[in-house]
Protein backbone atom coordinates (compact mmCIF):
# COMPACT_ATOMS: atom_id res chain seq x y z
CA MET A 1 -179.13 0.72 160.14
CA THR A 2 -182.20 1.03 157.98
CA VAL A 3 -183.21 -1.83 155.70
CA TYR A 4 -185.66 -1.12 152.89
CA ALA A 5 -186.96 -4.24 151.12
CA PHE A 6 -189.32 -4.65 148.18
CA HIS A 7 -190.37 -7.39 145.80
CA THR A 8 -192.97 -8.67 143.37
CA ASP A 9 -196.27 -10.24 144.32
CA ALA A 10 -197.40 -13.83 143.69
CA GLU A 11 -197.92 -12.94 140.00
CA GLY A 12 -194.44 -11.46 139.55
CA LEU A 13 -195.60 -7.83 139.47
CA TYR A 14 -194.37 -4.90 141.58
CA SER A 15 -197.65 -3.00 141.25
CA GLU A 16 -200.74 -2.83 139.04
CA THR A 17 -198.61 -1.01 136.46
CA ASN A 18 -195.54 -3.17 137.31
CA ASP A 19 -193.58 -0.07 138.32
CA ASN A 20 -190.64 -1.10 140.52
CA THR A 21 -190.09 2.51 141.60
CA ASN A 22 -193.37 2.32 143.55
CA PRO A 23 -193.77 -1.33 144.60
CA ARG A 24 -196.80 -2.20 146.67
CA LEU A 25 -194.96 -4.92 148.64
CA ASN A 26 -192.28 -3.05 150.56
CA ALA A 27 -191.08 -2.51 154.09
CA THR A 28 -188.67 -0.34 156.02
CA ILE A 29 -187.01 -2.16 158.90
CA TRP A 30 -184.49 -1.00 161.50
CA THR A 31 -181.80 -3.38 162.65
CA ASP A 32 -181.10 -4.02 166.30
CA ALA A 33 -177.77 -3.15 167.96
CA ARG A 34 -176.20 -6.31 166.49
CA GLY A 35 -177.39 -5.57 162.94
CA ARG A 36 -180.17 -8.18 162.96
CA TYR A 37 -183.53 -7.68 161.29
CA GLU A 38 -186.62 -9.71 160.45
CA LEU A 39 -188.82 -9.40 157.39
CA ARG A 40 -192.14 -11.25 157.19
CA THR A 41 -193.64 -11.36 153.73
CA ILE A 42 -194.82 -13.65 150.95
CA ARG A 43 -192.48 -15.46 148.62
CA PRO A 44 -192.22 -13.32 145.49
CA ALA A 45 -192.77 -14.78 142.03
CA PRO A 46 -190.39 -14.40 139.09
CA TYR A 47 -191.20 -11.78 136.49
CA PRO A 48 -193.94 -12.78 134.04
CA GLY A 49 -192.55 -14.51 130.98
CA GLY A 50 -189.70 -16.17 132.87
CA GLY A 51 -186.00 -15.57 132.64
CA ILE A 52 -185.62 -13.50 135.81
CA PRO A 53 -185.60 -15.49 139.08
CA ALA A 54 -187.75 -14.55 142.05
CA HIS A 55 -185.88 -12.13 144.29
CA ILE A 56 -186.16 -9.54 147.03
CA HIS A 57 -184.39 -6.18 146.69
CA TYR A 58 -182.66 -4.74 149.76
CA ARG A 59 -181.32 -1.21 150.22
CA ILE A 60 -179.25 -0.68 153.38
CA SER A 61 -178.41 2.77 154.76
CA GLY A 62 -177.18 4.40 157.92
CA SER A 63 -174.26 4.38 160.31
CA ASP A 64 -170.87 5.03 158.71
CA PHE A 65 -171.54 2.95 155.59
CA PRO A 66 -172.52 4.22 152.13
CA ASP A 67 -175.98 3.19 150.90
CA GLN A 68 -175.81 -0.32 149.45
CA GLY A 69 -178.08 -2.64 147.52
CA PHE A 70 -178.46 -6.42 147.59
CA GLU A 71 -180.74 -9.03 146.05
CA LEU A 72 -181.87 -12.23 147.72
CA HIS A 73 -182.53 -15.22 145.45
CA PHE A 74 -183.90 -18.61 146.45
CA GLU A 75 -182.06 -21.89 146.12
CA GLY A 76 -183.58 -24.18 143.49
CA ASP A 77 -185.15 -21.41 141.38
CA PRO A 78 -185.02 -22.70 137.77
CA HIS A 79 -184.36 -19.17 136.45
CA LEU A 80 -181.04 -18.75 138.30
CA SER A 81 -178.19 -18.26 135.83
CA ALA A 82 -174.84 -20.02 136.08
CA ARG A 83 -173.23 -16.59 136.58
CA THR A 84 -175.49 -15.74 139.53
CA LYS A 85 -174.87 -19.17 141.07
CA ASP A 86 -171.10 -18.82 140.68
CA ARG A 87 -171.02 -15.29 142.12
CA SER A 88 -173.15 -16.36 145.09
CA ALA A 89 -170.97 -19.42 145.78
CA LYS A 90 -167.84 -17.26 145.87
CA ARG A 91 -169.40 -15.12 148.62
CA GLY A 92 -170.06 -18.11 150.87
CA ARG A 93 -172.40 -17.27 153.74
CA PHE A 94 -172.86 -13.80 152.23
CA GLY A 95 -174.02 -15.20 148.89
CA SER A 96 -177.25 -14.01 147.33
CA ILE A 97 -178.79 -17.47 146.84
CA ARG A 98 -180.22 -18.81 150.08
CA PRO A 99 -182.18 -21.92 151.01
CA LEU A 100 -185.76 -21.79 152.23
CA GLU A 101 -186.65 -24.03 155.13
CA ARG A 102 -190.15 -24.78 156.36
CA GLY A 103 -190.52 -24.39 160.12
CA GLU A 104 -192.66 -26.55 162.38
CA ASP A 105 -195.31 -23.84 162.06
CA GLY A 106 -195.48 -24.46 158.28
CA VAL A 107 -193.97 -21.05 157.51
CA TRP A 108 -190.98 -20.78 155.19
CA HIS A 109 -187.85 -19.21 156.69
CA CYS A 110 -184.69 -17.87 155.10
CA VAL A 111 -181.52 -16.36 156.59
CA PHE A 112 -179.85 -13.68 154.47
CA ASP A 113 -176.65 -12.23 155.91
CA MET A 114 -175.27 -9.18 154.12
CA LYS A 115 -171.70 -7.91 154.37
CA LEU A 116 -171.51 -4.15 154.04
CA ARG A 117 -168.63 -2.42 152.26
CA ARG A 118 -167.04 0.80 153.45
């Protein structure tokens, strides 16, 4: 499977012109045979002006699945809406709101499992 991820920078912008169709922070990752992947990046900021929580966009493609999109949000973000929280809670381990944990190396880590639909 191919995983394409993109997000805003530390100022909440996708690019100098804030065009999310050509974000400067993006990556294409291939999963291993078990569907695992790793993305190393900065923590994105919410959009300027508030209201929209920080998030990472994911587009998954390949295998026998149709192309699918997901968003990862971070637990504790003050911009998360009640609707987003409720929807994430209903999905359990596949919810879009995930905790960040600081490792012994001082780096923040997050696990984001996605369940693909056929």
